Amino acid sequence: MKVVFLRHGESEYNAKGLINSDPSIKVHLTSKGKKQSKIATEKLDSYNFDVILVSEFPRAKETAEIINEFFEAPIFTEKRANEANVGFEGKTDQEFLDVAWKKSLFSYKLEGKESWHDLRKRVKEFLDSLKKERYKEVLV
């Protein structure tokens, strides 16, 4: 199985340098992000994806939909592919790093949120489950 990982196009929060780790907060692609998604489609044209697995975030779903205009593969939401929920919604990356570096970047965790170690475990579980599937080519 070939698995291709693709980051979403630029989002409204990316353009402002803000964190969006809650998929219920509707942050969409910018026009630049939509163009980036179309460019990504051109670079992926040698693939024949069986399926597209996408996080719960609107920006990721929008990216997948743009790409899928070419591939026409089934798109499934996979919450284990979500951004780390670090609890700094709407804050800057620097605000998160200023706090996390003082503690321990990879283990720092707000109550009820995720550390980078938690994210690693979640993604490993996702990848282990993906290995059991019979897909030939997957876009995540």
Foldseek 3Di string as FASTA:
>chain_A
DAEAEDDQFAWPCNVVQFDAQDQVPAIARDPRRLVVLLVVLVVCVVDQWQEEEFESHRRRVSSCVSSCVPRVHHYHYDNLPGDFFQPRGGHHPVVVCVVLVVPPQQQDHDPPGDGVVRNVVSVVVVVVVVVVDDTDYYYD
